[in-house]
Amino acid sequence: MQILIVEDETRMAALLEKGLRAEGHAVMVAYTGASAVETAQNCTFDVIVLDVMLPGFDGFEVVRRLRERRNQTPVLMLTARDAPLDKVKGLDIGADDYLTKPFLFNELVARLRAVSRRGPIPRPAVLKVADLTLNPATHQVFRNKRPIELTLTEFSLLELLMRNAGRVLERDAIIAAVWNTEESGEDSNLNAFISLLRQKIDKDDAMQLIQTVRGVGYRVGRGGE
């Protein structure tokens, strides 16, 4: 396999590169988020091994930028953190699997084989729920062909909800994904941004797409969807 390792700890990167080359794989290494995105766009890989904690911007942002550019190379994320919300965030933005440090090298190899066999996972270029459309690549949003201007945070929140259309996302999971934190202090921010989205998306339409599930969180969908 052609494998890209993205890891800023040089010792860990060297160990992974040596081990995977010994398994017969072709390996390239990137040490920052920016170089990872550039390398992945300029070369073809069967799978990317991606650390979450990187200088510049983190692994979540690397995945987001790759998927935004329609690069669907399978991604196995590595992290020293085992918080469930980190896993939710990684998988929701387009990662394919998740492995928590420390891990057995044999497990890494087995997961890489499994992920690479899936191949690039088709993902819609444009997200659509009823008459609401969102284009992750161009950052354009339309409701019944009416353009809607959103801030970056509003866009990130709406994209997360639309990628999980019909599913209820818990408040803590949304906060972790959009604000990259598990702090409850962001709860009021979430309330405020949901209110802003409703004003821009649902205010002038009989069909209310942004729904509150009391005591749980929010979802995007029509009535009973």
C-alpha atoms as a PDB file:
ATOM      1  CA  MET A   1       0.000   0.000   0.000  1.00  0.00           C
ATOM      2  CA  GLN A   2       0.934   3.637  -0.465  1.00  0.00           C
ATOM      3  CA  ILE A   3       0.638   5.150   3.025  1.00  0.00           C
ATOM      4  CA  LEU A   4       0.936   8.746   4.240  1.00  0.00           C
ATOM      5  CA  ILE A   5       1.883   9.116   7.922  1.00  0.00           C
ATOM      6  CA  VAL A   6       1.023  12.464   9.495  1.00  0.00           C
ATOM      7  CA  GLU A   7       2.736  12.689  12.892  1.00  0.00           C
ATOM      8  CA  ASP A   8       4.627  15.609  14.462  1.00  0.00           C
ATOM      9  CA  GLU A   9       6.512  13.498  17.028  1.00  0.00           C
ATOM     10  CA  THR A  10       9.601  12.553  15.027  1.00  0.00           C
ATOM     11  CA  ARG A  11      10.352   9.425  17.075  1.00  0.00           C
ATOM     12  CA  MET A  12       6.828   8.062  16.638  1.00  0.00           C
ATOM     13  CA  ALA A  13       6.846   8.953  12.936  1.00  0.00           C
ATOM     14  CA  ALA A  14      10.164   7.157  12.453  1.00  0.00           C
ATOM     15  CA  LEU A  15       8.932   4.035  14.266  1.00  0.00           C
ATOM     16  CA  LEU A  16       5.748   3.902  12.200  1.00  0.00           C
ATOM     17  CA  GLU A  17       7.632   4.474   8.958  1.00  0.00           C
ATOM     18  CA  LYS A  18      10.202   1.767   9.764  1.00  0.00           C
ATOM     19  CA  GLY A  19       7.553  -0.755  10.806  1.00  0.00           C
ATOM     20  CA  LEU A  20       5.300  -0.173   7.801  1.00  0.00           C
ATOM     21  CA  ARG A  21       8.219  -0.302   5.351  1.00  0.00           C
ATOM     22  CA  ALA A  22       9.222  -3.621   6.925  1.00  0.00           C
ATOM     23  CA  GLU A  23       5.700  -4.838   6.117  1.00  0.00           C
ATOM     24  CA  GLY A  24       6.361  -4.004   2.461  1.00  0.00           C
ATOM     25  CA  HIS A  25       4.468  -0.711   2.218  1.00  0.00           C
ATOM     26  CA  ALA A  26       5.569   2.507   0.521  1.00  0.00           C
ATOM     27  CA  VAL A  27       5.547   5.298   3.094  1.00  0.00           C
ATOM     28  CA  MET A  28       5.724   9.098   3.072  1.00  0.00           C
ATOM     29  CA  VAL A  29       5.746  11.264   6.212  1.00  0.00           C
ATOM     30  CA  ALA A  30       4.311  14.723   6.881  1.00  0.00           C
ATOM     31  CA  TYR A  31       4.847  16.552  10.182  1.00  0.00           C
ATOM     32  CA  THR A  32       2.255  19.346  10.047  1.00  0.00           C
ATOM     33  CA  GLY A  33      -1.371  19.724   9.053  1.00  0.00           C
ATOM     34  CA  ALA A  34      -0.542  22.057   6.177  1.00  0.00           C
ATOM     35  CA  SER A  35       2.075  19.723   4.673  1.00  0.00           C
ATOM     36  CA  ALA A  36      -0.313  16.779   5.094  1.00  0.00           C
ATOM     37  CA  VAL A  37      -3.026  18.464   3.038  1.00  0.00           C
ATOM     38  CA  GLU A  38      -0.542  19.517   0.345  1.00  0.00           C
ATOM     39  CA  THR A  39       1.045  16.058   0.138  1.00  0.00           C
ATOM     40  CA  ALA A  40      -2.298  14.257   0.043  1.00  0.00           C
ATOM     41  CA  GLN A  41      -3.485  16.514  -2.765  1.00  0.00           C
ATOM     42  CA  ASN A  42      -0.335  16.091  -4.853  1.00  0.00           C
ATOM     43  CA  CYS A  43       0.176  12.328  -4.395  1.00  0.00           C
ATOM     44  CA  THR A  44      -2.095   9.289  -4.419  1.00  0.00           C
ATOM     45  CA  PHE A  45      -2.330   7.156  -1.275  1.00  0.00           C
ATOM     46  CA  ASP A  46      -4.273   4.049  -0.313  1.00  0.00           C
ATOM     47  CA  VAL A  47      -4.660   5.245   3.261  1.00  0.00           C
ATOM     48  CA  ILE A  48      -3.600   8.117   5.540  1.00  0.00           C
ATOM     49  CA  VAL A  49      -2.468   7.550   9.154  1.00  0.00           C
ATOM     50  CA  LEU A  50      -3.283  10.858  10.821  1.00  0.00           C
ATOM     51  CA  ASP A  51      -2.405  12.068  14.318  1.00  0.00           C
ATOM     52  CA  VAL A  52      -4.985  14.393  15.883  1.00  0.00           C
ATOM     53  CA  MET A  53      -2.563  16.708  17.689  1.00  0.00           C
ATOM     54  CA  LEU A  54      -0.521  18.588  15.085  1.00  0.00           C
ATOM     55  CA  PRO A  55       1.163  21.996  14.909  1.00  0.00           C
ATOM     56  CA  GLY A  56      -0.619  24.666  12.872  1.00  0.00           C
ATOM     57  CA  PHE A  57      -4.015  23.045  12.583  1.00  0.00           C
ATOM     58  CA  ASP A  58      -5.047  19.679  13.967  1.00  0.00           C
ATOM     59  CA  GLY A  59      -6.000  16.370  12.381  1.00  0.00           C
ATOM     60  CA  PHE A  60      -9.710  17.210  12.418  1.00  0.00           C
ATOM     61  CA  GLU A  61      -8.996  20.240  10.247  1.00  0.00           C
ATOM     62  CA  VAL A  62      -6.821  18.124   7.922  1.00  0.00           C
ATOM     63  CA  VAL A  63      -9.744  15.741   7.320  1.00  0.00           C
ATOM     64  CA  ARG A  64     -12.178  18.611   6.846  1.00  0.00           C
ATOM     65  CA  ARG A  65      -9.944  20.284   4.241  1.00  0.00           C
ATOM     66  CA  LEU A  66      -9.325  17.035   2.370  1.00  0.00           C
ATOM     67  CA  ARG A  67     -13.018  16.171   2.201  1.00  0.00           C
ATOM     68  CA  GLU A  68     -13.818  19.748   1.207  1.00  0.00           C
ATOM     69  CA  ARG A  69     -11.429  19.265  -1.739  1.00  0.00           C
ATOM     70  CA  ARG A  70     -13.196  15.972  -2.543  1.00  0.00           C
ATOM     71  CA  ASN A  71     -10.178  13.917  -1.535  1.00  0.00           C
ATOM     72  CA  GLN A  72     -11.768  10.697  -0.238  1.00  0.00           C
ATOM     73  CA  THR A  73      -8.595   8.770   0.684  1.00  0.00           C
ATOM     74  CA  PRO A  74      -9.414   6.562   3.712  1.00  0.00           C
ATOM     75  CA  VAL A  75      -8.143   8.088   6.977  1.00  0.00           C
ATOM     76  CA  LEU A  76      -7.170   6.262  10.170  1.00  0.00           C
ATOM     77  CA  MET A  77      -6.869   8.786  13.003  1.00  0.00           C
ATOM     78  CA  LEU A  78      -4.433   8.361  15.907  1.00  0.00           C
ATOM     79  CA  THR A  79      -4.769  10.131  19.234  1.00  0.00           C
ATOM     80  CA  ALA A  80      -3.542   9.924  22.802  1.00  0.00           C
ATOM     81  CA  ARG A  81      -7.019  10.916  23.926  1.00  0.00           C
ATOM     82  CA  ASP A  82      -9.795   8.357  24.269  1.00  0.00           C
ATOM     83  CA  ALA A  83     -12.745  10.686  24.864  1.00  0.00           C
ATOM     84  CA  PRO A  84     -15.821   9.392  22.992  1.00  0.00           C
ATOM     85  CA  LEU A  85     -16.590  12.900  21.753  1.00  0.00           C
ATOM     86  CA  ASP A  86     -13.239  13.047  19.946  1.00  0.00           C
ATOM     87  CA  LYS A  87     -14.203   9.875  18.130  1.00  0.00           C
ATOM     88  CA  VAL A  88     -17.617  11.270  17.253  1.00  0.00           C
ATOM     89  CA  LYS A  89     -16.051  14.427  15.871  1.00  0.00           C
ATOM     90  CA  GLY A  90     -13.437  12.565  13.820  1.00  0.00           C
ATOM     91  CA  LEU A  91     -15.926  10.183  12.260  1.00  0.00           C
ATOM     92  CA  ASP A  92     -18.528  12.884  11.639  1.00  0.00           C
ATOM     93  CA  ILE A  93     -16.144  15.074   9.640  1.00  0.00           C
ATOM     94  CA  GLY A  94     -15.078  12.180   7.407  1.00  0.00           C
ATOM     95  CA  ALA A  95     -12.444   9.984   9.087  1.00  0.00           C
ATOM     96  CA  ASP A  96     -12.869   6.251   8.487  1.00  0.00           C
ATOM     97  CA  ASP A  97     -11.460   4.713  11.667  1.00  0.00           C
ATOM     98  CA  TYR A  98      -9.933   5.693  14.994  1.00  0.00           C
ATOM     99  CA  LEU A  99      -7.090   4.198  17.064  1.00  0.00           C
ATOM    100  CA  THR A 100      -6.121   5.408  20.535  1.00  0.00           C
ATOM    101  CA  LYS A 101      -2.486   5.599  21.649  1.00  0.00           C
ATOM    102  CA  PRO A 102      -0.810   3.494  22.937  1.00  0.00           C
ATOM    103  CA  PHE A 103      -1.659   0.726  20.481  1.00  0.00           C
ATOM    104  CA  LEU A 104      -0.185  -2.552  19.304  1.00  0.00           C
ATOM    105  CA  PHE A 105       1.570  -2.261  15.944  1.00  0.00           C
ATOM    106  CA  ASN A 106      -0.163  -5.433  14.730  1.00  0.00           C
ATOM    107  CA  GLU A 107      -3.532  -3.809  15.454  1.00  0.00           C
ATOM    108  CA  LEU A 108      -2.530  -0.737  13.442  1.00  0.00           C
ATOM    109  CA  VAL A 109      -1.543  -2.907  10.473  1.00  0.00           C
ATOM    110  CA  ALA A 110      -4.792  -4.887  10.664  1.00  0.00           C
ATOM    111  CA  ARG A 111      -6.878  -1.717  10.773  1.00  0.00           C
ATOM    112  CA  LEU A 112      -4.966  -0.227   7.855  1.00  0.00           C
ATOM    113  CA  ARG A 113      -5.718  -3.312   5.783  1.00  0.00           C
ATOM    114  CA  ALA A 114      -9.396  -3.127   6.693  1.00  0.00           C
ATOM    115  CA  VAL A 115      -9.700   0.600   5.978  1.00  0.00           C
ATOM    116  CA  SER A 116      -7.813   0.414   2.676  1.00  0.00           C
ATOM    117  CA  ARG A 117     -10.069  -2.397   1.434  1.00  0.00           C
ATOM    118  CA  ARG A 118     -13.063  -0.087   1.724  1.00  0.00           C
ATOM    119  CA  GLY A 119     -11.494   2.289  -0.773  1.00  0.00           C
ATOM    120  CA  PRO A 120     -12.627   5.905  -1.045  1.00  0.00           C
ATOM    121  CA  ILE A 121     -16.081   6.221   0.503  1.00  0.00           C
ATOM    122  CA  PRO A 122     -18.490   8.140  -1.752  1.00  0.00           C
ATOM    123  CA  ARG A 123     -19.751  11.239   0.001  1.00  0.00           C
ATOM    124  CA  PRO A 124     -22.199  13.724  -1.508  1.00  0.00           C
ATOM    125  CA  ALA A 125     -20.587  16.818  -3.003  1.00  0.00           C
ATOM    126  CA  VAL A 126     -23.662  18.804  -1.954  1.00  0.00           C
ATOM    127  CA  LEU A 127     -25.703  18.110   1.179  1.00  0.00           C
ATOM    128  CA  LYS A 128     -29.473  18.342   0.782  1.00  0.00           C
ATOM    129  CA  VAL A 129     -32.372  18.183   3.251  1.00  0.00           C
ATOM    130  CA  ALA A 130     -35.786  19.002   1.757  1.00  0.00           C
ATOM    131  CA  ASP A 131     -35.242  22.338  -0.046  1.00  0.00           C
ATOM    132  CA  LEU A 132     -32.112  23.230   1.963  1.00  0.00           C
ATOM    133  CA  THR A 133     -28.750  22.662   0.237  1.00  0.00           C
ATOM    134  CA  LEU A 134     -25.203  23.146   1.504  1.00  0.00           C
ATOM    135  CA  ASN A 135     -22.034  22.911  -0.588  1.00  0.00           C
ATOM    136  CA  PRO A 136     -18.992  22.164   1.655  1.00  0.00           C
ATOM    137  CA  ALA A 137     -16.541  23.033  -1.124  1.00  0.00           C
ATOM    138  CA  THR A 138     -17.922  26.473  -2.002  1.00  0.00           C
ATOM    139  CA  HIS A 139     -19.465  27.292   1.407  1.00  0.00           C
ATOM    140  CA  GLN A 140     -22.757  28.161  -0.297  1.00  0.00           C
ATOM    141  CA  VAL A 141     -26.126  27.539   1.347  1.00  0.00           C
ATOM    142  CA  PHE A 142     -29.553  27.838  -0.317  1.00  0.00           C
ATOM    143  CA  ARG A 143     -33.096  27.432   0.971  1.00  0.00           C
ATOM    144  CA  ASN A 144     -35.515  26.925  -1.916  1.00  0.00           C
ATOM    145  CA  LYS A 145     -32.907  28.547  -4.203  1.00  0.00           C
ATOM    146  CA  ARG A 146     -32.653  31.555  -1.833  1.00  0.00           C
ATOM    147  CA  PRO A 147     -28.983  32.209  -0.930  1.00  0.00           C
ATOM    148  CA  ILE A 148     -28.243  32.278   2.797  1.00  0.00           C
ATOM    149  CA  GLU A 149     -25.190  34.053   4.182  1.00  0.00           C
ATOM    150  CA  LEU A 150     -23.627  32.272   7.176  1.00  0.00           C
ATOM    151  CA  THR A 151     -20.629  32.942   9.387  1.00  0.00           C
ATOM    152  CA  LEU A 152     -17.950  30.240   9.608  1.00  0.00           C
ATOM    153  CA  THR A 153     -19.334  28.949  12.914  1.00  0.00           C
ATOM    154  CA  GLU A 154     -22.917  28.950  11.641  1.00  0.00           C
ATOM    155  CA  PHE A 155     -21.770  27.077   8.529  1.00  0.00           C
ATOM    156  CA  SER A 156     -19.834  24.482  10.573  1.00  0.00           C
ATOM    157  CA  LEU A 157     -22.840  23.908  12.822  1.00  0.00           C
ATOM    158  CA  LEU A 158     -25.255  23.523   9.918  1.00  0.00           C
ATOM    159  CA  GLU A 159     -22.875  21.238   8.017  1.00  0.00           C
ATOM    160  CA  LEU A 160     -22.561  18.954  11.047  1.00  0.00           C
ATOM    161  CA  LEU A 161     -26.338  18.737  11.436  1.00  0.00           C
ATOM    162  CA  MET A 162     -26.909  18.146   7.718  1.00  0.00           C
ATOM    163  CA  ARG A 163     -24.268  15.409   7.520  1.00  0.00           C
ATOM    164  CA  ASN A 164     -26.327  13.672  10.190  1.00  0.00           C
ATOM    165  CA  ALA A 165     -29.761  14.557   8.756  1.00  0.00           C
ATOM    166  CA  GLY A 166     -32.582  12.812  10.595  1.00  0.00           C
ATOM    167  CA  ARG A 167     -30.318  11.840  13.503  1.00  0.00           C
ATOM    168  CA  VAL A 168     -30.444  13.534  16.900  1.00  0.00           C
ATOM    169  CA  LEU A 169     -27.034  14.921  17.866  1.00  0.00           C
ATOM    170  CA  GLU A 170     -26.434  15.393  21.574  1.00  0.00           C
ATOM    171  CA  ARG A 171     -25.513  18.875  22.757  1.00  0.00           C
ATOM    172  CA  ASP A 172     -22.100  17.771  24.084  1.00  0.00           C
ATOM    173  CA  ALA A 173     -21.226  16.090  20.786  1.00  0.00           C
ATOM    174  CA  ILE A 174     -22.143  19.225  18.825  1.00  0.00           C
ATOM    175  CA  ILE A 175     -20.086  21.452  21.121  1.00  0.00           C
ATOM    176  CA  ALA A 176     -17.061  19.148  20.830  1.00  0.00           C
ATOM    177  CA  ALA A 177     -17.312  19.023  17.032  1.00  0.00           C
ATOM    178  CA  VAL A 178     -17.925  22.723  16.339  1.00  0.00           C
ATOM    179  CA  TRP A 179     -16.001  24.422  19.147  1.00  0.00           C
ATOM    180  CA  ASN A 180     -13.341  21.712  19.602  1.00  0.00           C
ATOM    181  CA  THR A 181     -13.940  21.567  23.351  1.00  0.00           C
ATOM    182  CA  GLU A 182     -15.871  19.566  25.893  1.00  0.00           C
ATOM    183  CA  GLU A 183     -16.417  22.581  28.184  1.00  0.00           C
ATOM    184  CA  SER A 184     -20.013  23.120  29.265  1.00  0.00           C
ATOM    185  CA  GLY A 185     -19.400  26.878  29.086  1.00  0.00           C
ATOM    186  CA  GLU A 186     -20.060  26.684  25.338  1.00  0.00           C
ATOM    187  CA  ASP A 187     -23.655  25.597  25.990  1.00  0.00           C
ATOM    188  CA  SER A 188     -24.978  29.154  25.760  1.00  0.00           C
ATOM    189  CA  ASN A 189     -23.015  29.631  22.517  1.00  0.00           C
ATOM    190  CA  LEU A 190     -24.768  26.619  21.036  1.00  0.00           C
ATOM    191  CA  ASN A 191     -28.174  28.031  22.002  1.00  0.00           C
ATOM    192  CA  ALA A 192     -27.293  31.362  20.412  1.00  0.00           C
ATOM    193  CA  PHE A 193     -26.064  29.863  17.138  1.00  0.00           C
ATOM    194  CA  ILE A 194     -29.056  27.536  16.818  1.00  0.00           C
ATOM    195  CA  SER A 195     -31.262  30.608  17.219  1.00  0.00           C
ATOM    196  CA  LEU A 196     -29.292  32.467  14.517  1.00  0.00           C
ATOM    197  CA  LEU A 197     -29.563  29.523  12.129  1.00  0.00           C
ATOM    198  CA  ARG A 198     -33.312  29.334  12.665  1.00  0.00           C
ATOM    199  CA  GLN A 199     -33.691  33.029  11.885  1.00  0.00           C
ATOM    200  CA  LYS A 200     -31.791  32.633   8.627  1.00  0.00           C
ATOM    201  CA  ILE A 201     -33.105  29.238   7.512  1.00  0.00           C
ATOM    202  CA  ASP A 202     -36.559  28.646   9.012  1.00  0.00           C
ATOM    203  CA  LYS A 203     -37.941  32.126   9.679  1.00  0.00           C
ATOM    204  CA  ASP A 204     -39.733  32.596   6.348  1.00  0.00           C
ATOM    205  CA  ASP A 205     -40.639  28.958   5.674  1.00  0.00           C
ATOM    206  CA  ALA A 206     -43.619  26.939   6.854  1.00  0.00           C
ATOM    207  CA  MET A 207     -41.439  23.804   6.979  1.00  0.00           C
ATOM    208  CA  GLN A 208     -39.201  24.080  10.053  1.00  0.00           C
ATOM    209  CA  LEU A 209     -36.038  22.041   9.446  1.00  0.00           C
ATOM    210  CA  ILE A 210     -33.997  22.703  12.603  1.00  0.00           C
ATOM    211  CA  GLN A 211     -35.625  20.751  15.403  1.00  0.00           C
ATOM    212  CA  THR A 212     -35.022  20.646  19.154  1.00  0.00           C
ATOM    213  CA  VAL A 213     -35.237  17.302  20.925  1.00  0.00           C
ATOM    214  CA  ARG A 214     -35.768  18.333  24.527  1.00  0.00           C
ATOM    215  CA  GLY A 215     -33.207  17.051  26.976  1.00  0.00           C
ATOM    216  CA  VAL A 216     -31.036  15.609  24.203  1.00  0.00           C
ATOM    217  CA  GLY A 217     -29.997  17.978  21.423  1.00  0.00           C
ATOM    218  CA  TYR A 218     -30.872  18.944  17.846  1.00  0.00           C
ATOM    219  CA  ARG A 219     -31.471  17.476  14.416  1.00  0.00           C
ATOM    220  CA  VAL A 220     -32.159  18.682  10.893  1.00  0.00           C
ATOM    221  CA  GLY A 221     -35.023  17.110   8.991  1.00  0.00           C
ATOM    222  CA  ARG A 222     -38.665  17.396   8.009  1.00  0.00           C
ATOM    223  CA  GLY A 223     -41.348  16.738  10.612  1.00  0.00           C
ATOM    224  CA  GLY A 224     -41.014  13.059  11.385  1.00  0.00           C
ATOM    225  CA  GLU A 225     -37.766  12.378   9.497  1.00  0.00           C
END
